[in-house]
Amino acid sequence: MRIDFDGVTPVPRMLLLSEFQLHSDFHVELERPVFVAAGDRVSYKGGAVVVTRSTGERHRYLVGDSYWICR
């Protein structure tokens, strides 16, 4: 599944987020997996994932590791 981490686009369904590719060549792994509910908005800021709930409540989750993928 492709997710836009732009902080504006809502997630289409509930998912467990543990790692992702921010760009086609940048991989990110979270310290702990996070459940993201349908309708939440996700952004990547300052080495953390920020989840904004539909109520406006924000949660920040730290990145455990990130690295560039060399092809």
Protein backbone atom coordinates (compact mmCIF):
# COMPACT_ATOMS: atom_id res chain seq x y z
CA MET A 1 0.00 0.00 0.00
CA ARG A 2 1.27 3.46 -0.82
CA ILE A 3 0.70 6.18 1.79
CA ASP A 4 1.34 9.88 1.26
CA PHE A 5 3.14 11.26 4.32
CA ASP A 6 2.07 14.82 3.55
CA GLY A 7 0.00 15.47 6.70
CA VAL A 8 -3.04 16.28 4.56
CA THR A 9 -4.12 13.04 2.87
CA PRO A 10 -6.14 10.76 5.20
CA VAL A 11 -5.20 7.09 5.52
CA PRO A 12 -7.85 4.98 3.71
CA ARG A 13 -8.00 2.16 6.28
CA MET A 14 -6.57 1.03 9.60
CA LEU A 15 -3.02 -0.27 9.35
CA LEU A 16 -0.03 -1.25 11.43
CA LEU A 17 2.93 0.94 10.53
CA SER A 18 6.42 -0.26 11.43
CA GLU A 19 8.58 0.65 8.46
CA PHE A 20 8.16 2.45 5.18
CA GLN A 21 9.95 4.09 2.30
CA LEU A 22 9.61 7.84 2.47
CA HIS A 23 11.00 8.26 -1.02
CA SER A 24 11.96 5.57 -3.48
CA ASP A 25 15.47 5.62 -2.00
CA PHE A 26 14.97 6.44 1.73
CA HIS A 27 13.90 3.73 4.21
CA VAL A 28 12.53 4.46 7.71
CA GLU A 29 11.94 2.04 10.62
CA LEU A 30 9.99 3.10 13.70
CA GLU A 31 11.14 2.24 17.25
CA ARG A 32 7.78 0.50 17.81
CA PRO A 33 4.91 -0.33 15.42
CA VAL A 34 1.99 2.10 15.44
CA PHE A 35 -1.69 1.50 14.65
CA VAL A 36 -2.97 4.22 12.34
CA ALA A 37 -6.78 4.50 12.08
CA ALA A 38 -8.75 5.24 8.93
CA GLY A 39 -8.98 8.99 8.50
CA ASP A 40 -5.75 9.75 10.36
CA ARG A 41 -3.24 11.99 8.61
CA VAL A 42 0.44 11.05 8.72
CA SER A 43 3.50 13.25 8.27
CA TYR A 44 7.25 12.78 8.66
CA LYS A 45 8.91 15.65 10.50
CA GLY A 46 12.28 15.97 12.21
CA GLY A 47 13.06 12.27 12.51
CA ALA A 48 9.60 11.32 13.76
CA VAL A 49 6.24 10.27 12.39
CA VAL A 50 3.40 12.57 13.43
CA VAL A 51 -0.13 11.13 13.36
CA THR A 52 -2.98 13.64 13.46
CA ARG A 53 -6.32 12.13 14.46
CA SER A 54 -9.63 13.38 13.04
CA THR A 55 -10.19 15.15 16.40
CA GLY A 56 -7.02 17.22 15.86
CA GLU A 57 -5.10 15.31 18.53
CA ARG A 58 -1.45 14.72 17.53
CA HIS A 59 0.85 11.84 18.41
CA ARG A 60 4.59 11.76 17.70
CA TYR A 61 6.44 8.46 17.18
CA LEU A 62 10.22 8.32 17.08
CA VAL A 63 12.19 6.71 14.29
CA GLY A 64 14.48 3.87 15.32
CA ASP A 65 16.54 3.82 12.13
CA SER A 66 16.58 5.44 8.72
CA TYR A 67 18.94 5.12 5.80
CA TRP A 68 19.41 5.85 2.14
CA ILE A 69 19.08 2.92 -0.24
CA CYS A 70 21.92 2.78 -2.75
CA ARG A 71 21.01 1.12 -6.03
